Amino acid sequence: MMRIRLPLPRLRFRKFARDDRGVAATEFALIMPLLMTLTFGVFEVYFAYIAEDQFTRYSTQTADLLARAPELKTADIKDLLDVANKIMVEVDSHELIELHVASIGYKTTGGNPLLLWTRSSFGKNGGTPIVFDIKEAEGLGMPGETIIRVHSKYTYTSPFTYFLKVNPYLKEKVLYFKPRVTRAIAIDGSVSEQNHNWDS
């Protein structure tokens, strides 16, 4: 029986086709981008959840502290902003938060809400005082009562911004609390700076 000899190039190609060295490295190189994306995605969801949870806790505790105060000073609002890094311990927070506090009174006759005073404090991003529709507070208090409106904002920046191209986005909480120890909380010695006849 006559043996047929293959040309040298075809013989080398067959040897190359049967050679499986380096296959694992090639497969890993192909799926590595997908694995990295999935890993960063899981961690991003985790960090975003932690930031939301910490921000919610900070907003609630801040509003509760304000409602317990018999009176306030403007510096107290800044102090509450500065302690954000003590409450939101797992995220970069205190320089990225805004805190807007307002006292709303309800007229003795009719019970319509009126803005009594407002204060704002800002982190490194700065900001402007919140202007809100006073009608959103309708029905939250009885005639002659007051409530405290606490509006907090937090700019969340992902730790994986460079890899995932996640833009910073704004988280907001608006909470209403009734004063715990007084009918109306004064700021800098004044219960009302804008509507002095609110309880008449």
Protein backbone atom coordinates (compact mmCIF):
# COMPACT_ATOMS: atom_id res chain seq x y z
CA MET A 1 0.00 0.00 0.00
CA MET A 2 1.36 3.32 -1.02
CA ARG A 3 1.63 6.03 1.69
CA ILE A 4 0.72 9.53 0.57
CA ARG A 5 2.85 12.26 1.99
CA LEU A 6 1.18 15.55 2.69
CA PRO A 7 2.92 18.73 1.73
CA LEU A 8 4.78 20.31 4.65
CA PRO A 9 2.48 23.38 5.03
CA ARG A 10 -0.64 21.19 5.31
CA LEU A 11 1.07 18.96 7.83
CA ARG A 12 1.96 21.95 9.98
CA PHE A 13 -1.59 23.25 9.79
CA ARG A 14 -2.93 19.92 11.10
CA LYS A 15 -0.49 19.99 13.99
CA PHE A 16 -1.53 23.58 14.73
CA ALA A 17 -5.23 22.64 14.60
CA ARG A 18 -4.71 19.81 17.11
CA ASP A 19 -2.60 21.99 19.48
CA ASP A 20 -4.88 23.16 22.34
CA ARG A 21 -2.24 24.99 24.35
CA GLY A 22 -3.34 28.53 25.23
CA VAL A 23 -7.06 27.86 24.67
CA ALA A 24 -7.91 28.61 28.30
CA ALA A 25 -6.00 31.90 28.20
CA THR A 26 -7.82 32.90 25.01
CA GLU A 27 -11.21 32.02 26.46
CA PHE A 28 -10.41 33.98 29.62
CA ALA A 29 -9.34 37.01 27.58
CA LEU A 30 -12.64 36.88 25.70
CA ILE A 31 -14.92 36.63 28.76
CA MET A 32 -12.86 38.82 31.13
CA PRO A 33 -14.53 42.13 30.06
CA LEU A 34 -17.96 40.60 30.71
CA LEU A 35 -16.88 39.26 34.10
CA MET A 36 -15.40 42.62 35.10
CA THR A 37 -18.56 44.45 34.03
CA LEU A 38 -20.73 42.06 36.04
CA THR A 39 -18.46 42.36 39.08
CA PHE A 40 -18.40 46.16 38.99
CA GLY A 41 -22.16 46.17 38.39
CA VAL A 42 -22.84 44.07 41.49
CA PHE A 43 -20.62 46.32 43.62
CA GLU A 44 -22.25 49.42 42.15
CA VAL A 45 -25.71 48.17 43.11
CA TYR A 46 -24.39 47.46 46.62
CA PHE A 47 -22.83 50.91 47.06
CA ALA A 48 -25.91 52.64 45.65
CA TYR A 49 -28.11 50.72 48.09
CA ILE A 50 -25.82 51.59 51.03
CA ALA A 51 -25.84 55.28 50.02
CA GLU A 52 -29.65 55.30 49.79
CA ASP A 53 -30.01 53.58 53.15
CA GLN A 54 -27.52 55.89 54.90
CA PHE A 55 -29.07 58.99 53.35
CA THR A 56 -32.57 57.93 54.43
CA ARG A 57 -31.32 57.36 57.98
CA TYR A 58 -29.55 60.73 58.05
CA SER A 59 -32.62 62.58 56.73
CA THR A 60 -34.96 60.93 59.24
CA GLN A 61 -32.67 61.47 62.24
CA THR A 62 -32.03 65.09 61.25
CA ALA A 63 -35.76 65.84 60.93
CA ASP A 64 -36.43 64.11 64.26
CA LEU A 65 -33.73 66.15 66.04
CA LEU A 66 -35.09 69.39 64.61
CA ALA A 67 -38.62 68.52 65.73
CA ARG A 68 -37.39 67.90 69.29
CA ALA A 69 -35.71 71.32 69.62
CA PRO A 70 -37.55 73.98 71.66
CA GLU A 71 -35.80 76.64 69.56
CA LEU A 72 -33.12 76.81 66.89
CA LYS A 73 -30.35 79.01 65.58
CA THR A 74 -29.12 79.31 62.02
CA ALA A 75 -25.82 77.74 63.11
CA ASP A 76 -27.73 74.61 64.23
CA ILE A 77 -28.70 73.88 60.63
CA LYS A 78 -25.06 74.03 59.56
CA ASP A 79 -24.08 71.80 62.49
CA LEU A 80 -26.62 69.18 61.42
CA LEU A 81 -25.19 69.28 57.91
CA ASP A 82 -21.67 68.83 59.26
CA VAL A 83 -22.55 65.69 61.25
CA ALA A 84 -23.65 63.88 58.10
CA ASN A 85 -20.21 62.26 57.88
CA LYS A 86 -20.78 60.80 61.37
CA ILE A 87 -24.10 59.23 60.36
CA MET A 88 -23.34 58.33 56.74
CA VAL A 89 -20.14 56.54 57.66
CA GLU A 90 -19.76 54.31 54.60
CA VAL A 91 -20.12 56.95 51.88
CA ASP A 92 -18.63 60.34 51.06
CA SER A 93 -21.45 62.52 52.30
CA HIS A 94 -21.20 65.73 54.28
CA GLU A 95 -19.74 67.85 51.49
CA LEU A 96 -22.33 66.59 48.99
CA ILE A 97 -25.48 67.26 51.02
CA GLU A 98 -27.88 70.20 51.11
CA LEU A 99 -30.23 70.76 54.01
CA HIS A 100 -33.32 72.98 53.73
CA VAL A 101 -35.51 73.52 56.80
CA ALA A 102 -38.78 75.44 56.94
CA SER A 103 -41.41 76.07 59.60
CA ILE A 104 -45.02 76.14 58.42
CA GLY A 105 -47.90 77.48 60.50
CA TYR A 106 -51.63 76.95 60.05
CA LYS A 107 -53.92 79.94 60.43
CA THR A 108 -56.31 79.73 63.34
CA THR A 109 -59.15 80.73 61.03
CA GLY A 110 -59.36 78.49 57.99
CA GLY A 111 -56.26 76.41 58.69
CA ASN A 112 -54.41 77.58 55.59
CA PRO A 113 -50.64 76.87 55.69
CA LEU A 114 -48.26 79.82 55.79
CA LEU A 115 -44.47 79.88 55.61
CA LEU A 116 -43.03 81.19 58.90
CA TRP A 117 -39.27 80.89 58.36
CA THR A 118 -36.76 78.98 56.26
CA ARG A 119 -33.03 78.20 56.45
CA SER A 120 -30.64 76.38 54.11
CA SER A 121 -27.14 74.96 54.44
CA PHE A 122 -24.94 73.66 51.63
CA GLY A 123 -21.91 71.42 51.14
CA LYS A 124 -19.04 71.98 48.74
CA ASN A 125 -21.31 71.89 45.69
CA GLY A 126 -23.14 74.99 46.90
CA GLY A 127 -26.77 75.52 46.01
CA THR A 128 -29.71 77.86 46.34
CA PRO A 129 -32.51 77.94 48.92
CA ILE A 130 -35.47 75.71 48.09
CA VAL A 131 -38.64 77.38 46.86
CA PHE A 132 -41.58 75.02 47.35
CA ASP A 133 -45.33 75.26 46.89
CA ILE A 134 -46.84 75.88 50.32
CA LYS A 135 -49.99 74.08 49.17
CA GLU A 136 -48.19 70.75 49.50
CA ALA A 137 -48.48 71.20 53.28
CA GLU A 138 -52.27 71.54 53.24
CA GLY A 139 -53.97 69.18 55.67
CA LEU A 140 -50.78 68.21 57.52
CA GLY A 141 -51.59 70.35 60.57
CA MET A 142 -54.53 71.68 62.52
CA PRO A 143 -55.39 75.40 62.84
CA GLY A 144 -52.97 77.09 65.22
CA GLU A 145 -50.35 74.33 64.89
CA THR A 146 -46.99 74.31 63.10
CA ILE A 147 -44.91 71.68 61.34
CA ILE A 148 -41.27 71.46 60.32
CA ARG A 149 -40.43 70.68 56.70
CA VAL A 150 -36.98 69.13 56.16
CA HIS A 151 -35.81 68.78 52.57
CA SER A 152 -32.43 67.08 52.18
CA LYS A 153 -30.50 66.51 48.97
CA TYR A 154 -27.55 64.22 48.40
CA THR A 155 -25.42 64.01 45.25
CA TYR A 156 -24.38 60.37 44.90
CA THR A 157 -21.16 59.73 43.01
CA SER A 158 -20.33 56.13 42.13
CA PRO A 159 -16.87 54.85 43.16
CA PHE A 160 -16.78 53.16 39.72
CA THR A 161 -17.46 56.29 37.69
CA TYR A 162 -14.29 55.78 35.62
CA PHE A 163 -15.12 52.17 34.72
CA LEU A 164 -18.90 52.24 34.36
CA LYS A 165 -19.37 55.84 33.21
CA VAL A 166 -22.02 56.38 35.90
CA ASN A 167 -22.95 60.05 36.19
CA PRO A 168 -23.56 61.51 39.66
CA TYR A 169 -27.26 61.70 40.44
CA LEU A 170 -29.36 63.47 43.01
CA LYS A 171 -31.24 61.78 45.86
CA GLU A 172 -33.90 63.81 47.70
CA LYS A 173 -36.01 63.35 50.82
CA VAL A 174 -38.83 65.63 52.02
CA LEU A 175 -40.06 64.96 55.56
CA TYR A 176 -42.68 66.68 57.73
CA PHE A 177 -42.52 66.52 61.53
CA LYS A 178 -44.64 68.18 64.21
CA PRO A 179 -42.69 69.96 66.98
CA ARG A 180 -42.42 67.70 70.02
CA VAL A 181 -41.92 70.14 72.92
CA THR A 182 -43.40 73.42 71.70
CA ARG A 183 -46.24 74.60 69.53
CA ALA A 184 -43.95 76.59 67.24
CA ILE A 185 -40.17 76.32 66.98
CA ALA A 186 -38.41 79.69 66.92
CA ILE A 187 -35.33 80.38 64.80
CA ASP A 188 -32.88 83.02 66.03
CA GLY A 189 -35.46 84.13 68.59
CA SER A 190 -38.37 84.53 66.17
CA VAL A 191 -41.25 82.12 65.64
CA SER A 192 -42.26 83.85 62.41
CA GLU A 193 -40.18 85.99 60.08
CA GLN A 194 -42.57 86.09 57.12
CA ASN A 195 -46.17 85.82 58.32
CA HIS A 196 -46.40 87.39 61.75
CA ASN A 197 -50.18 87.10 62.04
CA TRP A 198 -50.36 83.40 61.14
CA ASP A 199 -52.01 82.39 64.42
CA SER A 200 -54.61 85.12 64.54
